[in-house]
Each structure stands twice: as C-alpha cells, then as structure tokens.
Amino acid sequence: MSNGTLYLVATPIGNLGDLSPRAREVLSSVDFLAAEDTRVTHKLLTALSLPRKPMISYYEHNRRARGEEVLERMLAGEDCALVTDAGTPAVSDPGEDLVALCAEHGVAVIPVPGACAAVCALAASGLPTGRWCFEGFLSVNKKARREHLDALAGETRTMIFYEAPHKLRQTLNDLAAAFGAERRLSFSRELTKLHEETLRMTLGEAIAHFEQTPPRGEFVLILEGAPPQTPTEQSETERLSAAATEVRRLIEAGETQKDAVKTVSAASGVKKNALYQYVLALADDLDT
C-alpha cells in the first residue's frame, strides 16, 4: 500500500470568498483533516457547504503527539488536509513539525495556495517588496525580544511582524527604540474583513496614533529596512600605505622595487608615481 499525502490547505483570513476551488476540492476529497481548532474548522466547512470530515486536533501544544498519529494514518494510505484557523499552515502557525515528519518518512506534502496575511500586507505597504524577511511574533520575554531586535539592527530588507492588539503599543515602542522613530512603517489590520485598514506612517507617528486610537484587530506590521551601508572609502594615505605594504612583501619575495611598484599599482589602482615616491619616503624614514 502506498503512503497517503499531506495537503497544506490555506483557509480564508476573513473573506470566505478567498477559498479557492482547488481548496474546496481537496477538503471534500481527503480522508481526514488535521485542524488547529476543530470547532473553527467545522464552522468553516458548514459556512461553505462542504462535507463534514473526520477531524483530529493538531495545535501548538499537542503537535508532537498528534503529529505521530497523523503520520501513522498517512503511512497507512490515508490523505490528510492540514488547516489552521486562518491562513497558510506551517508558517507562523502549527504544521512545521508535521511537514518535517512527512519529509523524514517519505510522505508527499502538497501546498494548496491561498490567503497569507503577511504577503497581502506587504503588497499593500508601499515599501520595497523585492527583498523581505518574515519575523512573525516577537517574544513576550524581554531578553529574547531585545536579542531578536538587536539581531535585526542592520537588516536592509523590509521586515514583517505579526502582533495582537493588546501588545501593539509596547511593540511599537520597542521597534522605535531599536530602529528609530523616523523609520517608515505600514500596518494592516483585519485584512479581507469588513473593517480592513492599511495605514502608512513612521514609527513615531504610529506611537502617537495609537495613544489616541485603541488598537483593534490583528495587525501585520511592515517595517522599512535600514538604508544600505556604503563602504567607507579609504583615504589616499591609507591606500598608499596598504599598497606600500604589498610592495615590500613582493620585494622580500625577490622582485625589484620597480617591478613591485608596477605590479601593485596595476592591481590596486594607486598611481604608480605616487606609490613609488611613497615607498622611497618610507625607505628614507627607515634609514634615519
């Protein structure tokens, strides 16, 4: 008997119309579902007039034990659809461990694309989208949070964070302390829902905004990366000094001073005459 397949089915993050026809087909045809919250998934299936399926609870605190159970059923030939309460499984949601188990045991894993709050918010942010990094939720542990932000100090890519409304103000303060109040930010809340909103401002402006307006709904924060660091140009003296060191090395290896200067000048871009005079001056200094 061949193994079953694990389908990673993205569910709507608000608007039920975002569930794709392919996702409907998979949810209707698999043998069972592994759901973050079986009650939420049952409501989804009912709202979409999809057939009820056997469900197994698979969430953060039981994922190790239940993962083995799900794997055993797929090794016996059953197909499973993994779903979370909203969005794409295995990305900042339960599923990463289960996918790793499947990879380890040769069980096929097929993603069924759909809604992803991070990508939707990034696309609407107005910030650079060519290179970005997903940072998820910051830890509630102060030390771990500080270390996380310190590690991002020089990050030039656009950064994506998730945050709950009751922690948003503290997170904005921490981001401003780490990156500066003038760093640009876009934040989206209630994506695809009735009160969907995307605002663009600086971190300092966001802090002031939410002092007046209580945060509501789940937030996706899109934070501008640091400006690219341009290499510090060496001064002319520093370039000559470095080139002269290389000239001395070549002379010690057996080259004549003339040939060594010519070789280093061509390789470093330092003007030959200037390098020659610098080497002579160094030699005079050593003799005196």
Protein backbone atom coordinates (compact mmCIF):
# COMPACT_ATOMS: atom_id res chain seq x y z
CA MET A 1 0.00 0.00 0.00
CA SER A 2 1.36 3.43 -0.93
CA ASN A 3 1.55 6.32 1.51
CA GLY A 4 -1.12 8.96 1.70
CA THR A 5 -0.50 12.67 1.09
CA LEU A 6 -0.45 15.69 3.36
CA TYR A 7 -2.18 18.72 1.83
CA LEU A 8 -1.41 22.14 3.32
CA VAL A 9 -4.67 23.96 2.66
CA ALA A 10 -4.73 27.74 3.09
CA THR A 11 -8.05 28.91 4.52
CA PRO A 12 -9.58 32.41 4.35
CA ILE A 13 -8.25 35.04 6.74
CA GLY A 14 -11.62 36.77 6.74
CA ASN A 15 -13.49 36.75 3.44
CA LEU A 16 -14.84 33.26 2.72
CA GLY A 17 -14.76 34.04 -0.99
CA ASP A 18 -10.97 33.66 -0.87
CA LEU A 19 -11.13 29.87 -0.54
CA SER A 20 -10.07 28.56 -3.95
CA PRO A 21 -11.98 25.93 -5.97
CA ARG A 22 -8.96 23.66 -5.62
CA ALA A 23 -9.01 24.02 -1.83
CA ARG A 24 -12.71 23.10 -1.86
CA GLU A 25 -11.94 20.02 -3.91
CA VAL A 26 -9.15 18.89 -1.57
CA LEU A 27 -11.18 19.49 1.59
CA SER A 28 -14.00 17.45 0.07
CA SER A 29 -11.85 14.52 -1.06
CA VAL A 30 -9.30 13.85 1.71
CA ASP A 31 -9.88 11.12 4.28
CA PHE A 32 -9.50 13.37 7.31
CA LEU A 33 -8.48 16.85 8.47
CA ALA A 34 -5.85 17.91 10.99
CA ALA A 35 -7.20 21.19 12.36
CA GLU A 36 -5.77 23.83 14.68
CA ASP A 37 -9.23 24.21 16.23
CA THR A 38 -11.82 21.64 15.16
CA ARG A 39 -14.68 23.97 16.17
CA VAL A 40 -13.43 26.76 13.91
CA THR A 41 -12.90 24.35 11.02
CA HIS A 42 -16.34 22.80 11.49
CA LYS A 43 -17.90 26.28 11.22
CA LEU A 44 -15.88 26.95 8.06
CA LEU A 45 -16.99 23.71 6.40
CA THR A 46 -20.62 24.44 7.33
CA ALA A 47 -20.46 28.04 6.04
CA LEU A 48 -19.02 26.83 2.73
CA SER A 49 -21.42 23.89 2.41
CA LEU A 50 -18.53 21.45 2.35
CA PRO A 51 -18.95 17.84 3.53
CA ARG A 52 -18.07 17.05 7.13
CA LYS A 53 -14.89 15.06 7.50
CA PRO A 54 -13.30 13.18 10.39
CA MET A 55 -11.07 15.69 12.22
CA ILE A 56 -8.13 15.41 14.54
CA SER A 57 -6.99 18.28 16.72
CA TYR A 58 -3.48 19.48 15.85
CA TYR A 59 -2.27 22.64 17.55
CA GLU A 60 0.82 24.12 19.19
CA HIS A 61 0.64 22.25 22.50
CA ASN A 62 -0.21 18.77 21.22
CA ARG A 63 1.61 18.84 17.89
CA ARG A 64 4.31 16.32 18.79
CA ALA A 65 1.98 13.54 19.95
CA ARG A 66 -0.69 14.26 17.35
CA GLY A 67 1.89 14.61 14.61
CA GLU A 68 2.90 10.98 15.10
CA GLU A 69 -0.75 9.96 14.98
CA VAL A 70 -1.37 11.89 11.76
CA LEU A 71 1.79 10.44 10.24
CA GLU A 72 0.78 6.88 11.13
CA ARG A 73 -2.55 7.29 9.33
CA MET A 74 -0.86 8.70 6.22
CA LEU A 75 1.67 5.85 6.24
CA ALA A 76 -1.38 3.56 6.20
CA GLY A 77 -2.54 5.23 2.97
CA GLU A 78 -4.92 7.99 4.16
CA ASP A 79 -4.82 11.52 2.76
CA CYS A 80 -4.88 14.42 5.23
CA ALA A 81 -5.58 18.13 4.84
CA LEU A 82 -3.84 20.32 7.42
CA VAL A 83 -5.71 23.56 8.15
CA THR A 84 -5.28 26.35 10.66
CA ASP A 85 -7.90 28.79 11.92
CA ALA A 86 -6.96 31.21 9.15
CA GLY A 87 -4.27 31.49 6.51
CA THR A 88 -1.48 29.19 5.34
CA PRO A 89 -0.47 26.29 7.61
CA ALA A 90 3.13 25.76 8.79
CA VAL A 91 4.07 29.47 8.54
CA SER A 92 3.81 31.11 11.98
CA ASP A 93 1.07 28.52 12.59
CA PRO A 94 1.10 24.81 13.50
CA GLY A 95 2.42 22.48 10.81
CA GLU A 96 6.18 22.95 10.56
CA ASP A 97 6.88 19.83 12.64
CA LEU A 98 4.36 17.73 10.74
CA VAL A 99 5.87 18.69 7.39
CA ALA A 100 9.31 17.73 8.73
CA LEU A 101 7.95 14.35 9.85
CA CYS A 102 6.49 13.75 6.40
CA ALA A 103 9.79 14.66 4.73
CA GLU A 104 11.62 12.27 7.03
CA HIS A 105 9.28 9.36 6.23
CA GLY A 106 8.78 9.92 2.51
CA VAL A 107 5.20 11.21 2.71
CA ALA A 108 4.32 13.66 -0.07
CA VAL A 109 3.45 17.21 1.02
CA ILE A 110 1.41 19.33 -1.38
CA PRO A 111 0.65 23.00 -0.64
CA VAL A 112 -2.72 24.34 -1.75
CA PRO A 113 -2.15 28.12 -2.03
CA GLY A 114 -4.47 30.73 -0.67
CA ALA A 115 -4.60 33.69 1.68
CA CYS A 116 -1.48 34.80 3.54
CA ALA A 117 -1.74 37.91 5.71
CA ALA A 118 1.99 38.66 5.53
CA VAL A 119 2.13 38.74 1.73
CA CYS A 120 -1.14 40.67 1.42
CA ALA A 121 0.08 43.35 3.83
CA LEU A 122 3.48 43.55 2.15
CA ALA A 123 1.89 44.06 -1.25
CA ALA A 124 -0.24 46.93 0.09
CA SER A 125 2.51 48.54 2.18
CA GLY A 126 4.10 50.89 -0.33
CA LEU A 127 7.51 49.77 0.98
CA PRO A 128 10.13 47.83 -1.04
CA THR A 129 8.94 44.30 -1.81
CA GLY A 130 11.93 42.92 -3.75
CA ARG A 131 13.68 41.58 -0.65
CA TRP A 132 11.96 40.98 2.68
CA CYS A 133 12.14 38.80 5.79
CA PHE A 134 9.35 37.38 7.90
CA GLU A 135 9.91 37.78 11.64
CA GLY A 136 6.50 36.65 12.95
CA PHE A 137 5.53 37.44 16.55
CA LEU A 138 8.14 38.94 18.85
CA SER A 139 8.68 37.04 22.09
CA VAL A 140 6.94 38.28 25.23
CA ASN A 141 10.19 37.54 27.07
CA LYS A 142 12.03 40.87 27.36
CA LYS A 143 15.50 39.41 26.95
CA ALA A 144 14.55 37.27 23.92
CA ARG A 145 12.71 40.22 22.36
CA ARG A 146 15.71 42.53 22.80
CA GLU A 147 18.07 39.94 21.32
CA HIS A 148 15.73 39.45 18.35
CA LEU A 149 15.62 43.17 17.61
CA ASP A 150 19.35 43.61 18.18
CA ALA A 151 19.99 40.93 15.57
CA LEU A 152 17.96 42.99 13.07
CA ALA A 153 19.83 46.24 13.70
CA GLY A 154 21.47 46.34 10.27
CA GLU A 155 18.75 44.48 8.35
CA THR A 156 18.25 46.19 4.97
CA ARG A 157 15.32 44.06 3.83
CA THR A 158 11.73 45.03 4.55
CA MET A 159 10.68 43.27 7.76
CA ILE A 160 7.29 41.69 8.50
CA PHE A 161 5.93 41.25 12.03
CA TYR A 162 2.63 39.95 13.39
CA GLU A 163 1.12 41.47 16.51
CA ALA A 164 -2.00 41.20 18.67
CA PRO A 165 -3.87 44.41 19.57
CA HIS A 166 -3.17 44.24 23.31
CA LYS A 167 0.60 44.11 22.70
CA LEU A 168 0.82 46.54 19.77
CA ARG A 169 1.74 49.69 21.71
CA GLN A 170 4.63 48.04 23.53
CA THR A 171 5.88 46.53 20.28
CA LEU A 172 5.82 49.90 18.53
CA ASN A 173 7.81 51.43 21.40
CA ASP A 174 10.35 48.60 21.22
CA LEU A 175 10.67 48.95 17.44
CA ALA A 176 11.18 52.70 17.72
CA ALA A 177 13.88 52.18 20.37
CA ALA A 178 15.63 49.64 18.14
CA PHE A 179 15.29 51.32 14.73
CA GLY A 180 14.49 54.98 15.39
CA ALA A 181 11.20 56.86 15.45
CA GLU A 182 11.66 58.04 11.85
CA ARG A 183 11.73 54.52 10.35
CA ARG A 184 8.80 54.07 7.96
CA LEU A 185 6.06 51.60 8.77
CA SER A 186 2.92 50.24 7.19
CA PHE A 187 0.41 48.33 9.25
CA SER A 188 -2.62 46.42 8.09
CA ARG A 189 -5.42 45.12 10.27
CA GLU A 190 -8.50 43.00 9.70
CA LEU A 191 -7.31 42.07 6.19
CA THR A 192 -10.13 40.97 3.83
CA LYS A 193 -12.72 41.76 6.55
CA LEU A 194 -15.34 44.50 6.83
CA HIS A 195 -13.11 46.95 8.69
CA GLU A 196 -9.92 46.27 6.75
CA GLU A 197 -7.41 49.09 7.04
CA THR A 198 -3.84 49.83 5.94
CA LEU A 199 -2.05 52.90 7.31
CA ARG A 200 1.41 54.21 6.43
CA MET A 201 3.48 56.41 8.73
CA THR A 202 6.68 56.49 10.78
CA LEU A 203 7.11 54.53 13.99
CA GLY A 204 6.93 57.76 15.97
CA GLU A 205 3.69 58.73 14.26
CA ALA A 206 2.27 55.25 14.86
CA ILE A 207 3.01 55.50 18.58
CA ALA A 208 1.18 58.85 18.74
CA HIS A 209 -1.71 57.48 16.66
CA PHE A 210 -2.38 54.58 18.99
CA GLU A 211 -2.18 56.75 22.07
CA GLN A 212 -5.37 58.33 20.72
CA THR A 213 -6.90 55.30 18.97
CA PRO A 214 -7.12 51.96 20.83
CA PRO A 215 -5.72 49.12 18.67
CA ARG A 216 -8.34 46.69 17.42
CA GLY A 217 -7.96 43.54 15.35
CA GLU A 218 -4.91 41.50 14.42
CA PHE A 219 -2.05 43.52 12.92
CA VAL A 220 0.61 42.88 10.28
CA LEU A 221 3.48 45.36 10.61
CA ILE A 222 5.64 46.06 7.55
CA LEU A 223 8.81 47.84 8.64
CA GLU A 224 11.26 49.58 6.32
CA GLY A 225 14.76 48.12 6.29
CA ALA A 226 17.91 50.03 7.14
CA PRO A 227 19.48 52.05 4.32
CA PRO A 228 22.28 50.12 2.57
CA GLN A 229 25.67 50.81 4.08
CA THR A 230 28.08 52.27 1.54
CA PRO A 231 31.65 51.05 2.01
CA THR A 232 33.83 53.67 3.69
CA GLU A 233 36.30 54.90 1.16
CA GLN A 234 39.90 54.68 2.26
CA SER A 235 41.78 57.92 2.42
CA GLU A 236 44.59 58.35 -0.12
CA THR A 237 47.16 57.88 2.64
CA GLU A 238 45.53 54.62 3.77
CA ARG A 239 45.51 53.32 0.19
CA LEU A 240 49.16 54.25 -0.32
CA SER A 241 50.12 52.64 2.99
CA ALA A 242 48.33 49.39 2.13
CA ALA A 243 49.90 49.38 -1.35
CA ALA A 244 53.37 50.05 0.08
CA THR A 245 52.99 47.08 2.43
CA GLU A 246 52.28 44.89 -0.58
CA VAL A 247 55.30 46.35 -2.43
CA ARG A 248 57.56 45.45 0.49
CA ARG A 249 56.15 41.93 0.51
CA LEU A 250 56.95 41.49 -3.20
CA ILE A 251 60.47 42.91 -2.75
CA GLU A 252 61.09 40.47 0.09
CA ALA A 253 59.91 37.70 -2.24
CA GLY A 254 62.60 38.65 -4.75
CA GLU A 255 61.08 41.26 -7.08
CA THR A 256 62.84 44.52 -7.85
CA GLN A 257 61.36 47.68 -6.37
CA LYS A 258 60.46 48.95 -9.85
CA ASP A 259 58.59 45.76 -10.80
CA ALA A 260 56.89 45.52 -7.40
CA VAL A 261 55.57 49.08 -7.65
CA LYS A 262 54.34 48.45 -11.20
CA THR A 263 52.54 45.25 -10.17
CA VAL A 264 50.85 46.72 -7.09
CA SER A 265 49.87 49.90 -8.91
CA ALA A 266 48.10 47.90 -11.62
CA ALA A 267 46.32 45.70 -9.06
CA SER A 268 45.25 48.41 -6.59
CA GLY A 269 44.60 51.39 -8.83
CA VAL A 270 47.06 53.52 -6.87
CA LYS A 271 49.01 55.82 -9.17
CA LYS A 272 52.45 54.38 -9.92
CA ASN A 273 54.44 57.58 -9.44
CA ALA A 274 52.71 58.41 -6.17
CA LEU A 275 53.31 54.89 -4.89
CA TYR A 276 56.97 54.99 -5.93
CA GLN A 277 57.54 58.27 -4.11
CA TYR A 278 55.69 56.95 -1.03
CA VAL A 279 57.87 53.82 -0.96
CA LEU A 280 61.02 55.91 -1.30
CA ALA A 281 59.92 58.20 1.52
CA LEU A 282 59.25 55.20 3.76
CA ALA A 283 62.71 53.82 2.96
CA ASP A 284 64.28 57.20 3.87
CA ASP A 285 62.37 57.24 7.16
CA LEU A 286 63.63 53.77 8.00
CA ASP A 287 67.22 54.81 7.26
CA THR A 288 67.12 57.85 9.52
